[in-house]
Amino acid sequence: MKNAPLTTALMALALILGAAPSFAQDKPKTAPAPAAKSVKKATTAPKPFKPVDINGASKAELMKLSGISDAQADKIVAGRPYRSKADLVTRKIISEGLYGQIQRRIIALQKPEPPAKIPGK
């Protein structure tokens, strides 16, 4: 029993260290008091927009795009048809800066090609 005092001291230490985490537990959180007045912000979803077809839109529809002037709308109409909306820049119809502003709001729809006629029918 030479180790009895050492064993007793280790057991006491283990009990003390084992109990310490229970004292460090967080207190149960209470629900926050409701605000006296809650202001609800009117969150409106962004309006879904229909992209403007540069191959079929009227001059008035093109001018509704931000940054498109009367003269630029005329140039867009005169340069039809476009294979892609990037043709507006490659053909120098509008500047790259203006294209960057409107590129998400325009499309270049292609007319479907008529079915090929089969000879003899």
PDB file of N, CA and C in Angstrom:
ATOM      1  N   MET A   1       0.804  -1.168   0.000  1.00  0.00           N
ATOM      2  CA  MET A   1       0.000   0.000   0.000  1.00  0.00           C
ATOM      3  C   MET A   1       0.862   1.251   0.000  1.00  0.00           C
ATOM      4  N   LYS A   2       1.970   1.125  -0.612  1.00  0.00           N
ATOM      5  CA  LYS A   2       2.854   2.278  -0.700  1.00  0.00           C
ATOM      6  C   LYS A   2       2.262   3.337  -1.639  1.00  0.00           C
ATOM      7  N   ASN A   3       1.467   2.899  -2.571  1.00  0.00           N
ATOM      8  CA  ASN A   3       0.918   3.817  -3.564  1.00  0.00           C
ATOM      9  C   ASN A   3      -0.461   4.338  -3.174  1.00  0.00           C
ATOM     10  N   ALA A   4      -0.953   4.036  -2.023  1.00  0.00           N
ATOM     11  CA  ALA A   4      -2.296   4.447  -1.604  1.00  0.00           C
ATOM     12  C   ALA A   4      -2.464   5.964  -1.619  1.00  0.00           C
ATOM     13  N   PRO A   5      -1.533   6.760  -1.069  1.00  0.00           N
ATOM     14  CA  PRO A   5      -1.719   8.210  -1.121  1.00  0.00           C
ATOM     15  C   PRO A   5      -1.703   8.745  -2.567  1.00  0.00           C
ATOM     16  N   LEU A   6      -0.848   8.156  -3.391  1.00  0.00           N
ATOM     17  CA  LEU A   6      -0.790   8.579  -4.794  1.00  0.00           C
ATOM     18  C   LEU A   6      -2.087   8.225  -5.516  1.00  0.00           C
ATOM     19  N   THR A   7      -2.603   7.044  -5.284  1.00  0.00           N
ATOM     20  CA  THR A   7      -3.849   6.604  -5.909  1.00  0.00           C
ATOM     21  C   THR A   7      -5.001   7.480  -5.453  1.00  0.00           C
ATOM     22  N   THR A   8      -5.049   7.806  -4.196  1.00  0.00           N
ATOM     23  CA  THR A   8      -6.112   8.656  -3.657  1.00  0.00           C
ATOM     24  C   THR A   8      -6.029  10.052  -4.272  1.00  0.00           C
ATOM     25  N   ALA A   9      -4.849  10.579  -4.399  1.00  0.00           N
ATOM     26  CA  ALA A   9      -4.669  11.911  -4.986  1.00  0.00           C
ATOM     27  C   ALA A   9      -5.083  11.923  -6.454  1.00  0.00           C
ATOM     28  N   LEU A  10      -4.733  10.880  -7.199  1.00  0.00           N
ATOM     29  CA  LEU A  10      -5.121  10.800  -8.614  1.00  0.00           C
ATOM     30  C   LEU A  10      -6.633  10.665  -8.769  1.00  0.00           C
ATOM     31  N   MET A  11      -7.263   9.887  -7.877  1.00  0.00           N
ATOM     32  CA  MET A  11      -8.718   9.734  -7.934  1.00  0.00           C
ATOM     33  C   MET A  11      -9.405  11.070  -7.647  1.00  0.00           C
ATOM     34  N   ALA A  12      -8.904  11.799  -6.667  1.00  0.00           N
ATOM     35  CA  ALA A  12      -9.487  13.094  -6.325  1.00  0.00           C
ATOM     36  C   ALA A  12      -9.321  14.070  -7.487  1.00  0.00           C
ATOM     37  N   LEU A  13      -8.158  14.035  -8.106  1.00  0.00           N
ATOM     38  CA  LEU A  13      -7.899  14.901  -9.260  1.00  0.00           C
ATOM     39  C   LEU A  13      -8.837  14.561 -10.416  1.00  0.00           C
ATOM     40  N   ALA A  14      -9.042  13.272 -10.658  1.00  0.00           N
ATOM     41  CA  ALA A  14      -9.932  12.839 -11.735  1.00  0.00           C
ATOM     42  C   ALA A  14     -11.360  13.295 -11.478  1.00  0.00           C
ATOM     43  N   LEU A  15     -11.816  13.216 -10.232  1.00  0.00           N
ATOM     44  CA  LEU A  15     -13.169  13.661  -9.896  1.00  0.00           C
ATOM     45  C   LEU A  15     -13.319  15.166 -10.082  1.00  0.00           C
ATOM     46  N   ILE A  16     -12.313  15.902  -9.681  1.00  0.00           N
ATOM     47  CA  ILE A  16     -12.368  17.361  -9.818  1.00  0.00           C
ATOM     48  C   ILE A  16     -12.366  17.760 -11.292  1.00  0.00           C
ATOM     49  N   LEU A  17     -11.480  17.151 -12.071  1.00  0.00           N
ATOM     50  CA  LEU A  17     -11.406  17.488 -13.496  1.00  0.00           C
ATOM     51  C   LEU A  17     -12.646  17.014 -14.247  1.00  0.00           C
ATOM     52  N   GLY A  18     -13.230  15.924 -13.808  1.00  0.00           N
ATOM     53  CA  GLY A  18     -14.444  15.425 -14.449  1.00  0.00           C
ATOM     54  C   GLY A  18     -15.640  16.314 -14.174  1.00  0.00           C
ATOM     55  N   ALA A  19     -15.665  16.954 -13.029  1.00  0.00           N
ATOM     56  CA  ALA A  19     -16.783  17.814 -12.665  1.00  0.00           C
ATOM     57  C   ALA A  19     -16.644  19.216 -13.266  1.00  0.00           C
ATOM     58  N   ALA A  20     -15.445  19.617 -13.617  1.00  0.00           N
ATOM     59  CA  ALA A  20     -15.210  20.971 -14.124  1.00  0.00           C
ATOM     60  C   ALA A  20     -16.004  21.280 -15.390  1.00  0.00           C
ATOM     61  N   PRO A  21     -16.093  20.377 -16.361  1.00  0.00           N
ATOM     62  CA  PRO A  21     -16.868  20.721 -17.555  1.00  0.00           C
ATOM     63  C   PRO A  21     -18.344  20.964 -17.270  1.00  0.00           C
ATOM     64  N   SER A  22     -18.887  20.356 -16.244  1.00  0.00           N
ATOM     65  CA  SER A  22     -20.303  20.578 -15.957  1.00  0.00           C
ATOM     66  C   SER A  22     -20.545  21.999 -15.465  1.00  0.00           C
ATOM     67  N   PHE A  23     -19.556  22.617 -14.851  1.00  0.00           N
ATOM     68  CA  PHE A  23     -19.710  23.995 -14.409  1.00  0.00           C
ATOM     69  C   PHE A  23     -19.578  24.976 -15.571  1.00  0.00           C
ATOM     70  N   ALA A  24     -18.919  24.565 -16.625  1.00  0.00           N
ATOM     71  CA  ALA A  24     -18.676  25.451 -17.755  1.00  0.00           C
ATOM     72  C   ALA A  24     -19.793  25.398 -18.793  1.00  0.00           C
ATOM     73  N   GLN A  25     -20.836  24.626 -18.543  1.00  0.00           N
ATOM     74  CA  GLN A  25     -21.911  24.525 -19.525  1.00  0.00           C
ATOM     75  C   GLN A  25     -22.608  25.865 -19.684  1.00  0.00           C
ATOM     76  N   ASP A  26     -23.052  26.111 -20.925  1.00  0.00           N
ATOM     77  CA  ASP A  26     -23.783  27.340 -21.198  1.00  0.00           C
ATOM     78  C   ASP A  26     -25.149  27.281 -20.535  1.00  0.00           C
ATOM     79  N   LYS A  27     -25.614  28.416 -20.152  1.00  0.00           N
ATOM     80  CA  LYS A  27     -26.960  28.495 -19.601  1.00  0.00           C
ATOM     81  C   LYS A  27     -27.939  28.356 -20.758  1.00  0.00           C
ATOM     82  N   PRO A  28     -29.090  27.780 -20.525  1.00  0.00           N
ATOM     83  CA  PRO A  28     -30.051  27.650 -21.622  1.00  0.00           C
ATOM     84  C   PRO A  28     -30.434  29.031 -22.139  1.00  0.00           C
ATOM     85  N   LYS A  29     -30.451  29.132 -23.436  1.00  0.00           N
ATOM     86  CA  LYS A  29     -30.758  30.415 -24.058  1.00  0.00           C
ATOM     87  C   LYS A  29     -32.262  30.635 -24.033  1.00  0.00           C
ATOM     88  N   THR A  30     -32.641  31.835 -23.702  1.00  0.00           N
ATOM     89  CA  THR A  30     -34.055  32.176 -23.726  1.00  0.00           C
ATOM     90  C   THR A  30     -34.353  32.841 -25.049  1.00  0.00           C
ATOM     91  N   ALA A  31     -35.576  32.726 -25.477  1.00  0.00           N
ATOM     92  CA  ALA A  31     -35.965  33.338 -26.744  1.00  0.00           C
ATOM     93  C   ALA A  31     -35.883  34.846 -26.598  1.00  0.00           C
ATOM     94  N   PRO A  32     -35.384  35.531 -27.622  1.00  0.00           N
ATOM     95  CA  PRO A  32     -35.304  36.984 -27.524  1.00  0.00           C
ATOM     96  C   PRO A  32     -36.705  37.584 -27.449  1.00  0.00           C
ATOM     97  N   ALA A  33     -36.814  38.649 -26.722  1.00  0.00           N
ATOM     98  CA  ALA A  33     -38.104  39.313 -26.588  1.00  0.00           C
ATOM     99  C   ALA A  33     -38.527  39.853 -27.946  1.00  0.00           C
ATOM    100  N   PRO A  34     -39.796  39.704 -28.275  1.00  0.00           N
ATOM    101  CA  PRO A  34     -40.241  40.206 -29.573  1.00  0.00           C
ATOM    102  C   PRO A  34     -40.100  41.721 -29.626  1.00  0.00           C
ATOM    103  N   ALA A  35     -39.742  42.194 -30.784  1.00  0.00           N
ATOM    104  CA  ALA A  35     -39.558  43.629 -30.957  1.00  0.00           C
ATOM    105  C   ALA A  35     -40.908  44.325 -30.826  1.00  0.00           C
ATOM    106  N   ALA A  36     -40.876  45.532 -30.300  1.00  0.00           N
ATOM    107  CA  ALA A  36     -42.113  46.265 -30.106  1.00  0.00           C
ATOM    108  C   ALA A  36     -42.812  46.489 -31.440  1.00  0.00           C
ATOM    109  N   LYS A  37     -42.062  46.887 -32.419  1.00  0.00           N
ATOM    110  CA  LYS A  37     -42.607  47.086 -33.759  1.00  0.00           C
ATOM    111  C   LYS A  37     -41.669  46.430 -34.734  1.00  0.00           C
ATOM    112  N   SER A  38     -42.177  45.510 -35.479  1.00  0.00           N
ATOM    113  CA  SER A  38     -41.321  44.906 -36.496  1.00  0.00           C
ATOM    114  C   SER A  38     -41.697  45.517 -37.835  1.00  0.00           C
ATOM    115  N   VAL A  39     -40.716  46.086 -38.453  1.00  0.00           N
ATOM    116  CA  VAL A  39     -40.932  46.724 -39.741  1.00  0.00           C
ATOM    117  C   VAL A  39     -40.602  45.712 -40.817  1.00  0.00           C
ATOM    118  N   LYS A  40     -41.590  45.393 -41.604  1.00  0.00           N
ATOM    119  CA  LYS A  40     -41.361  44.448 -42.692  1.00  0.00           C
ATOM    120  C   LYS A  40     -41.040  45.235 -43.948  1.00  0.00           C
ATOM    121  N   LYS A  41     -39.941  44.876 -44.531  1.00  0.00           N
ATOM    122  CA  LYS A  41     -39.567  45.520 -45.780  1.00  0.00           C
ATOM    123  C   LYS A  41     -40.348  44.870 -46.902  1.00  0.00           C
ATOM    124  N   ALA A  42     -40.795  45.663 -47.783  1.00  0.00           N
ATOM    125  CA  ALA A  42     -41.512  45.136 -48.937  1.00  0.00           C
ATOM    126  C   ALA A  42     -40.486  44.551 -49.891  1.00  0.00           C
ATOM    127  N   THR A  43     -40.360  43.264 -49.846  1.00  0.00           N
ATOM    128  CA  THR A  43     -39.399  42.612 -50.729  1.00  0.00           C
ATOM    129  C   THR A  43     -40.140  42.147 -51.965  1.00  0.00           C
ATOM    130  N   THR A  44     -39.884  42.822 -53.015  1.00  0.00           N
ATOM    131  CA  THR A  44     -40.509  42.433 -54.269  1.00  0.00           C
ATOM    132  C   THR A  44     -39.473  41.719 -55.104  1.00  0.00           C
ATOM    133  N   ALA A  45     -39.891  40.636 -55.633  1.00  0.00           N
ATOM    134  CA  ALA A  45     -38.992  39.889 -56.502  1.00  0.00           C
ATOM    135  C   ALA A  45     -38.772  40.707 -57.765  1.00  0.00           C
ATOM    136  N   PRO A  46     -37.570  40.647 -58.309  1.00  0.00           N
ATOM    137  CA  PRO A  46     -37.342  41.395 -59.541  1.00  0.00           C
ATOM    138  C   PRO A  46     -38.294  40.906 -60.621  1.00  0.00           C
ATOM    139  N   LYS A  47     -38.829  41.864 -61.330  1.00  0.00           N
ATOM    140  CA  LYS A  47     -39.781  41.507 -62.378  1.00  0.00           C
ATOM    141  C   LYS A  47     -39.072  40.701 -63.456  1.00  0.00           C
ATOM    142  N   PRO A  48     -39.651  39.579 -63.802  1.00  0.00           N
ATOM    143  CA  PRO A  48     -39.038  38.838 -64.900  1.00  0.00           C
ATOM    144  C   PRO A  48     -39.215  39.650 -66.184  1.00  0.00           C
ATOM    145  N   PHE A  49     -38.149  39.796 -66.901  1.00  0.00           N
ATOM    146  CA  PHE A  49     -38.235  40.583 -68.122  1.00  0.00           C
ATOM    147  C   PHE A  49     -38.075  39.661 -69.313  1.00  0.00           C
ATOM    148  N   LYS A  50     -38.683  40.078 -70.372  1.00  0.00           N
ATOM    149  CA  LYS A  50     -38.566  39.329 -71.609  1.00  0.00           C
ATOM    150  C   LYS A  50     -37.436  39.975 -72.404  1.00  0.00           C
ATOM    151  N   PRO A  51     -36.416  39.208 -72.762  1.00  0.00           N
ATOM    152  CA  PRO A  51     -35.311  39.795 -73.520  1.00  0.00           C
ATOM    153  C   PRO A  51     -35.799  40.357 -74.856  1.00  0.00           C
ATOM    154  N   VAL A  52     -35.172  41.414 -75.277  1.00  0.00           N
ATOM    155  CA  VAL A  52     -35.530  42.064 -76.536  1.00  0.00           C
ATOM    156  C   VAL A  52     -34.782  41.365 -77.670  1.00  0.00           C
ATOM    157  N   ASP A  53     -35.536  40.920 -78.657  1.00  0.00           N
ATOM    158  CA  ASP A  53     -34.946  40.254 -79.822  1.00  0.00           C
ATOM    159  C   ASP A  53     -34.450  41.319 -80.791  1.00  0.00           C
ATOM    160  N   ILE A  54     -33.140  41.390 -80.977  1.00  0.00           N
ATOM    161  CA  ILE A  54     -32.588  42.428 -81.855  1.00  0.00           C
ATOM    162  C   ILE A  54     -32.900  42.166 -83.324  1.00  0.00           C
ATOM    163  N   ASN A  55     -33.318  40.958 -83.661  1.00  0.00           N
ATOM    164  CA  ASN A  55     -33.689  40.665 -85.044  1.00  0.00           C
ATOM    165  C   ASN A  55     -35.158  40.943 -85.330  1.00  0.00           C
ATOM    166  N   GLY A  56     -35.971  41.126 -84.311  1.00  0.00           N
ATOM    167  CA  GLY A  56     -37.393  41.312 -84.561  1.00  0.00           C
ATOM    168  C   GLY A  56     -38.029  42.473 -83.832  1.00  0.00           C
ATOM    169  N   ALA A  57     -37.312  43.131 -82.944  1.00  0.00           N
ATOM    170  CA  ALA A  57     -37.893  44.214 -82.155  1.00  0.00           C
ATOM    171  C   ALA A  57     -38.070  45.471 -82.991  1.00  0.00           C
ATOM    172  N   SER A  58     -39.095  46.221 -82.647  1.00  0.00           N
ATOM    173  CA  SER A  58     -39.316  47.496 -83.326  1.00  0.00           C
ATOM    174  C   SER A  58     -38.318  48.527 -82.794  1.00  0.00           C
ATOM    175  N   LYS A  59     -38.254  49.641 -83.473  1.00  0.00           N
ATOM    176  CA  LYS A  59     -37.349  50.712 -83.061  1.00  0.00           C
ATOM    177  C   LYS A  59     -37.728  51.199 -81.661  1.00  0.00           C
ATOM    178  N   ALA A  60     -39.020  51.297 -81.388  1.00  0.00           N
ATOM    179  CA  ALA A  60     -39.488  51.754 -80.079  1.00  0.00           C
ATOM    180  C   ALA A  60     -39.078  50.772 -78.975  1.00  0.00           C
ATOM    181  N   GLU A  61     -39.158  49.477 -79.258  1.00  0.00           N
ATOM    182  CA  GLU A  61     -38.753  48.474 -78.270  1.00  0.00           C
ATOM    183  C   GLU A  61     -37.254  48.553 -78.002  1.00  0.00           C
ATOM    184  N   LEU A  62     -36.476  48.766 -79.039  1.00  0.00           N
ATOM    185  CA  LEU A  62     -35.025  48.877 -78.875  1.00  0.00           C
ATOM    186  C   LEU A  62     -34.658  50.115 -78.058  1.00  0.00           C
ATOM    187  N   MET A  63     -35.397  51.189 -78.246  1.00  0.00           N
ATOM    188  CA  MET A  63     -35.095  52.427 -77.531  1.00  0.00           C
ATOM    189  C   MET A  63     -35.443  52.335 -76.043  1.00  0.00           C
ATOM    190  N   LYS A  64     -36.223  51.336 -75.642  1.00  0.00           N
ATOM    191  CA  LYS A  64     -36.529  51.143 -74.223  1.00  0.00           C
ATOM    192  C   LYS A  64     -35.322  50.596 -73.464  1.00  0.00           C
ATOM    193  N   LEU A  65     -34.359  50.042 -74.186  1.00  0.00           N
ATOM    194  CA  LEU A  65     -33.131  49.557 -73.557  1.00  0.00           C
ATOM    195  C   LEU A  65     -32.318  50.761 -73.098  1.00  0.00           C
ATOM    196  N   SER A  66     -31.767  50.684 -71.904  1.00  0.00           N
ATOM    197  CA  SER A  66     -31.017  51.822 -71.384  1.00  0.00           C
ATOM    198  C   SER A  66     -29.778  52.077 -72.234  1.00  0.00           C
ATOM    199  N   GLY A  67     -29.613  53.317 -72.635  1.00  0.00           N
ATOM    200  CA  GLY A  67     -28.430  53.706 -73.391  1.00  0.00           C
ATOM    201  C   GLY A  67     -28.601  53.677 -74.896  1.00  0.00           C
ATOM    202  N   ILE A  68     -29.685  53.115 -75.396  1.00  0.00           N
ATOM    203  CA  ILE A  68     -29.897  53.048 -76.846  1.00  0.00           C
ATOM    204  C   ILE A  68     -30.588  54.329 -77.297  1.00  0.00           C
ATOM    205  N   SER A  69     -29.930  55.051 -78.182  1.00  0.00           N
ATOM    206  CA  SER A  69     -30.488  56.298 -78.704  1.00  0.00           C
ATOM    207  C   SER A  69     -31.298  56.016 -79.962  1.00  0.00           C
ATOM    208  N   ASP A  70     -31.915  57.054 -80.470  1.00  0.00           N
ATOM    209  CA  ASP A  70     -32.710  56.956 -81.694  1.00  0.00           C
ATOM    210  C   ASP A  70     -31.837  56.496 -82.859  1.00  0.00           C
ATOM    211  N   ALA A  71     -30.658  57.094 -82.986  1.00  0.00           N
ATOM    212  CA  ALA A  71     -29.757  56.751 -84.090  1.00  0.00           C
ATOM    213  C   ALA A  71     -29.246  55.316 -83.958  1.00  0.00           C
ATOM    214  N   GLN A  72     -28.941  54.896 -82.735  1.00  0.00           N
ATOM    215  CA  GLN A  72     -28.456  53.529 -82.538  1.00  0.00           C
ATOM    216  C   GLN A  72     -29.550  52.509 -82.830  1.00  0.00           C
ATOM    217  N   ALA A  73     -30.779  52.818 -82.465  1.00  0.00           N
ATOM    218  CA  ALA A  73     -31.892  51.915 -82.770  1.00  0.00           C
ATOM    219  C   ALA A  73     -32.052  51.783 -84.282  1.00  0.00           C
ATOM    220  N   ASP A  74     -31.892  52.902 -84.999  1.00  0.00           N
ATOM    221  CA  ASP A  74     -31.963  52.851 -86.466  1.00  0.00           C
ATOM    222  C   ASP A  74     -30.850  51.975 -87.032  1.00  0.00           C
ATOM    223  N   LYS A  75     -29.639  52.097 -86.487  1.00  0.00           N
ATOM    224  CA  LYS A  75     -28.513  51.286 -86.970  1.00  0.00           C
ATOM    225  C   LYS A  75     -28.746  49.803 -86.699  1.00  0.00           C
ATOM    226  N   ILE A  76     -29.334  49.482 -85.542  1.00  0.00           N
ATOM    227  CA  ILE A  76     -29.612  48.083 -85.212  1.00  0.00           C
ATOM    228  C   ILE A  76     -30.626  47.507 -86.193  1.00  0.00           C
ATOM    229  N   VAL A  77     -31.676  48.265 -86.475  1.00  0.00           N
ATOM    230  CA  VAL A  77     -32.704  47.797 -87.412  1.00  0.00           C
ATOM    231  C   VAL A  77     -32.111  47.643 -88.809  1.00  0.00           C
ATOM    232  N   ALA A  78     -31.276  48.584 -89.232  1.00  0.00           N
ATOM    233  CA  ALA A  78     -30.703  48.539 -90.581  1.00  0.00           C
ATOM    234  C   ALA A  78     -29.708  47.392 -90.748  1.00  0.00           C
ATOM    235  N   GLY A  79     -29.056  46.968 -89.677  1.00  0.00           N
ATOM    236  CA  GLY A  79     -28.028  45.937 -89.784  1.00  0.00           C
ATOM    237  C   GLY A  79     -28.538  44.510 -89.675  1.00  0.00           C
ATOM    238  N   ARG A  80     -29.831  44.321 -89.606  1.00  0.00           N
ATOM    239  CA  ARG A  80     -30.397  42.980 -89.456  1.00  0.00           C
ATOM    240  C   ARG A  80     -30.158  42.137 -90.678  1.00  0.00           C
ATOM    241  N   PRO A  81     -30.093  40.856 -90.563  1.00  0.00           N
ATOM    242  CA  PRO A  81     -30.210  39.996 -89.386  1.00  0.00           C
ATOM    243  C   PRO A  81     -28.855  39.811 -88.716  1.00  0.00           C
ATOM    244  N   TYR A  82     -28.907  39.486 -87.431  1.00  0.00           N
ATOM    245  CA  TYR A  82     -27.713  39.230 -86.634  1.00  0.00           C
ATOM    246  C   TYR A  82     -27.665  37.748 -86.282  1.00  0.00           C
ATOM    247  N   ARG A  83     -26.496  37.146 -86.402  1.00  0.00           N
ATOM    248  CA  ARG A  83     -26.346  35.731 -86.039  1.00  0.00           C
ATOM    249  C   ARG A  83     -26.276  35.572 -84.530  1.00  0.00           C
ATOM    250  N   SER A  84     -25.692  36.560 -83.855  1.00  0.00           N
ATOM    251  CA  SER A  84     -25.644  36.553 -82.391  1.00  0.00           C
ATOM    252  C   SER A  84     -25.704  37.995 -81.919  1.00  0.00           C
ATOM    253  N   LYS A  85     -25.973  38.159 -80.646  1.00  0.00           N
ATOM    254  CA  LYS A  85     -26.051  39.520 -80.127  1.00  0.00           C
ATOM    255  C   LYS A  85     -24.685  40.196 -80.113  1.00  0.00           C
ATOM    256  N   ALA A  86     -23.616  39.416 -80.130  1.00  0.00           N
ATOM    257  CA  ALA A  86     -22.263  39.981 -80.170  1.00  0.00           C
ATOM    258  C   ALA A  86     -21.985  40.667 -81.505  1.00  0.00           C
ATOM    259  N   ASP A  87     -22.782  40.362 -82.522  1.00  0.00           N
ATOM    260  CA  ASP A  87     -22.616  41.032 -83.818  1.00  0.00           C
ATOM    261  C   ASP A  87     -22.791  42.544 -83.705  1.00  0.00           C
ATOM    262  N   LEU A  88     -23.509  42.996 -82.699  1.00  0.00           N
ATOM    263  CA  LEU A  88     -23.681  44.442 -82.522  1.00  0.00           C
ATOM    264  C   LEU A  88     -22.337  45.131 -82.319  1.00  0.00           C
ATOM    265  N   VAL A  89     -21.408  44.448 -81.669  1.00  0.00           N
ATOM    266  CA  VAL A  89     -20.079  45.022 -81.435  1.00  0.00           C
ATOM    267  C   VAL A  89     -19.159  44.719 -82.605  1.00  0.00           C
ATOM    268  N   THR A  90     -19.178  43.478 -83.101  1.00  0.00           N
ATOM    269  CA  THR A  90     -18.255  43.119 -84.179  1.00  0.00           C
ATOM    270  C   THR A  90     -18.554  43.889 -85.456  1.00  0.00           C
ATOM    271  N   ARG A  91     -19.793  44.245 -85.672  1.00  0.00           N
ATOM    272  CA  ARG A  91     -20.148  45.061 -86.845  1.00  0.00           C
ATOM    273  C   ARG A  91     -20.099  46.554 -86.540  1.00  0.00           C
ATOM    274  N   LYS A  92     -19.684  46.891 -85.327  1.00  0.00           N
ATOM    275  CA  LYS A  92     -19.538  48.281 -84.885  1.00  0.00           C
ATOM    276  C   LYS A  92     -20.856  49.057 -84.953  1.00  0.00           C
ATOM    277  N   ILE A  93     -21.930  48.387 -84.560  1.00  0.00           N
ATOM    278  CA  ILE A  93     -23.233  49.043 -84.472  1.00  0.00           C
ATOM    279  C   ILE A  93     -23.304  49.843 -83.168  1.00  0.00           C
ATOM    280  N   ILE A  94     -22.824  49.232 -82.064  1.00  0.00           N
ATOM    281  CA  ILE A  94     -22.764  49.909 -80.769  1.00  0.00           C
ATOM    282  C   ILE A  94     -21.384  49.660 -80.155  1.00  0.00           C
ATOM    283  N   SER A  95     -21.059  50.438 -79.131  1.00  0.00           N
ATOM    284  CA  SER A  95     -19.746  50.295 -78.477  1.00  0.00           C
ATOM    285  C   SER A  95     -19.753  49.099 -77.523  1.00  0.00           C
ATOM    286  N   GLU A  96     -18.553  48.657 -77.165  1.00  0.00           N
ATOM    287  CA  GLU A  96     -18.428  47.540 -76.222  1.00  0.00           C
ATOM    288  C   GLU A  96     -19.001  47.909 -74.855  1.00  0.00           C
ATOM    289  N   GLY A  97     -18.825  49.150 -74.455  1.00  0.00           N
ATOM    290  CA  GLY A  97     -19.351  49.596 -73.162  1.00  0.00           C
ATOM    291  C   GLY A  97     -20.867  49.521 -73.109  1.00  0.00           C
ATOM    292  N   LEU A  98     -21.501  49.990 -74.164  1.00  0.00           N
ATOM    293  CA  LEU A  98     -22.961  49.931 -74.229  1.00  0.00           C
ATOM    294  C   LEU A  98     -23.430  48.486 -74.316  1.00  0.00           C
ATOM    295  N   TYR A  99     -22.701  47.689 -75.067  1.00  0.00           N
ATOM    296  CA  TYR A  99     -23.045  46.267 -75.170  1.00  0.00           C
ATOM    297  C   TYR A  99     -22.986  45.597 -73.797  1.00  0.00           C
ATOM    298  N   GLY A 100     -21.989  45.954 -73.007  1.00  0.00           N
ATOM    299  CA  GLY A 100     -21.873  45.396 -71.661  1.00  0.00           C
ATOM    300  C   GLY A 100     -23.077  45.728 -70.786  1.00  0.00           C
ATOM    301  N   GLN A 101     -23.675  46.894 -71.023  1.00  0.00           N
ATOM    302  CA  GLN A 101     -24.848  47.302 -70.247  1.00  0.00           C
ATOM    303  C   GLN A 101     -26.106  46.541 -70.648  1.00  0.00           C
ATOM    304  N   ILE A 102     -26.233  46.195 -71.926  1.00  0.00           N
ATOM    305  CA  ILE A 102     -27.495  45.616 -72.400  1.00  0.00           C
ATOM    306  C   ILE A 102     -27.416  44.142 -72.758  1.00  0.00           C
ATOM    307  N   GLN A 103     -26.249  43.528 -72.701  1.00  0.00           N
ATOM    308  CA  GLN A 103     -26.099  42.164 -73.209  1.00  0.00           C
ATOM    309  C   GLN A 103     -26.994  41.150 -72.511  1.00  0.00           C
ATOM    310  N   ARG A 104     -27.326  41.375 -71.253  1.00  0.00           N
ATOM    311  CA  ARG A 104     -28.191  40.424 -70.539  1.00  0.00           C
ATOM    312  C   ARG A 104     -29.666  40.666 -70.839  1.00  0.00           C
ATOM    313  N   ARG A 105     -29.956  41.727 -71.547  1.00  0.00           N
ATOM    314  CA  ARG A 105     -31.348  42.069 -71.826  1.00  0.00           C
ATOM    315  C   ARG A 105     -31.729  41.904 -73.285  1.00  0.00           C
ATOM    316  N   ILE A 106     -30.800  41.383 -74.097  1.00  0.00           N
ATOM    317  CA  ILE A 106     -31.094  41.201 -75.518  1.00  0.00           C
ATOM    318  C   ILE A 106     -30.805  39.770 -75.945  1.00  0.00           C
ATOM    319  N   ILE A 107     -31.456  39.372 -77.025  1.00  0.00           N
ATOM    320  CA  ILE A 107     -31.195  38.080 -77.660  1.00  0.00           C
ATOM    321  C   ILE A 107     -31.251  38.289 -79.165  1.00  0.00           C
ATOM    322  N   ALA A 108     -30.725  37.331 -79.901  1.00  0.00           N
ATOM    323  CA  ALA A 108     -30.779  37.383 -81.367  1.00  0.00           C
ATOM    324  C   ALA A 108     -31.412  36.082 -81.844  1.00  0.00           C
ATOM    325  N   LEU A 109     -32.728  36.085 -81.913  1.00  0.00           N
ATOM    326  CA  LEU A 109     -33.432  34.889 -82.372  1.00  0.00           C
ATOM    327  C   LEU A 109     -33.245  34.725 -83.872  1.00  0.00           C
ATOM    328  N   GLN A 110     -33.148  33.485 -84.286  1.00  0.00           N
ATOM    329  CA  GLN A 110     -32.992  33.177 -85.705  1.00  0.00           C
ATOM    330  C   GLN A 110     -34.321  32.651 -86.228  1.00  0.00           C
ATOM    331  N   LYS A 111     -34.643  33.031 -87.436  1.00  0.00           N
ATOM    332  CA  LYS A 111     -35.855  32.498 -88.057  1.00  0.00           C
ATOM    333  C   LYS A 111     -35.582  31.052 -88.436  1.00  0.00           C
ATOM    334  N   PRO A 112     -36.529  30.174 -88.152  1.00  0.00           N
ATOM    335  CA  PRO A 112     -36.309  28.782 -88.546  1.00  0.00           C
ATOM    336  C   PRO A 112     -36.282  28.669 -90.065  1.00  0.00           C
ATOM    337  N   GLU A 113     -35.378  27.842 -90.534  1.00  0.00           N
ATOM    338  CA  GLU A 113     -35.280  27.661 -91.977  1.00  0.00           C
ATOM    339  C   GLU A 113     -36.418  26.767 -92.436  1.00  0.00           C
ATOM    340  N   PRO A 114     -36.975  27.072 -93.602  1.00  0.00           N
ATOM    341  CA  PRO A 114     -38.066  26.232 -94.096  1.00  0.00           C
ATOM    342  C   PRO A 114     -37.533  24.837 -94.403  1.00  0.00           C
ATOM    343  N   PRO A 115     -38.369  23.831 -94.232  1.00  0.00           N
ATOM    344  CA  PRO A 115     -37.902  22.476 -94.522  1.00  0.00           C
ATOM    345  C   PRO A 115     -37.532  22.340 -95.995  1.00  0.00           C
ATOM    346  N   ALA A 116     -36.494  21.568 -96.236  1.00  0.00           N
ATOM    347  CA  ALA A 116     -36.027  21.373 -97.611  1.00  0.00           C
ATOM    348  C   ALA A 116     -37.066  20.574 -98.391  1.00  0.00           C
ATOM    349  N   LYS A 117     -37.257  21.000 -99.622  1.00  0.00           N
ATOM    350  CA  LYS A 117     -38.213  20.280-100.471  1.00  0.00           C
ATOM    351  C   LYS A 117     -37.542  19.031-101.008  1.00  0.00           C
ATOM    352  N   ILE A 118     -38.264  17.969-100.981  1.00  0.00           N
ATOM    353  CA  ILE A 118     -37.747  16.708-101.501  1.00  0.00           C
ATOM    354  C   ILE A 118     -38.139  16.627-102.972  1.00  0.00           C
ATOM    355  N   PRO A 119     -37.142  16.460-103.856  1.00  0.00           N
ATOM    356  CA  PRO A 119     -37.462  16.398-105.281  1.00  0.00           C
ATOM    357  C   PRO A 119     -38.358  15.191-105.579  1.00  0.00           C
ATOM    358  N   GLY A 120     -39.334  15.420-106.432  1.00  0.00           N
ATOM    359  CA  GLY A 120     -40.213  14.339-106.854  1.00  0.00           C
ATOM    360  C   GLY A 120     -41.452  14.204-105.994  1.00  0.00           C
ATOM    361  N   LYS A 121     -41.612  15.010-105.006  1.00  0.00           N
ATOM    362  CA  LYS A 121     -42.829  14.912-104.190  1.00  0.00           C
ATOM    363  C   LYS A 121     -43.645  16.142-104.311  1.00  0.00           C
TER     364      LYS A 121
END
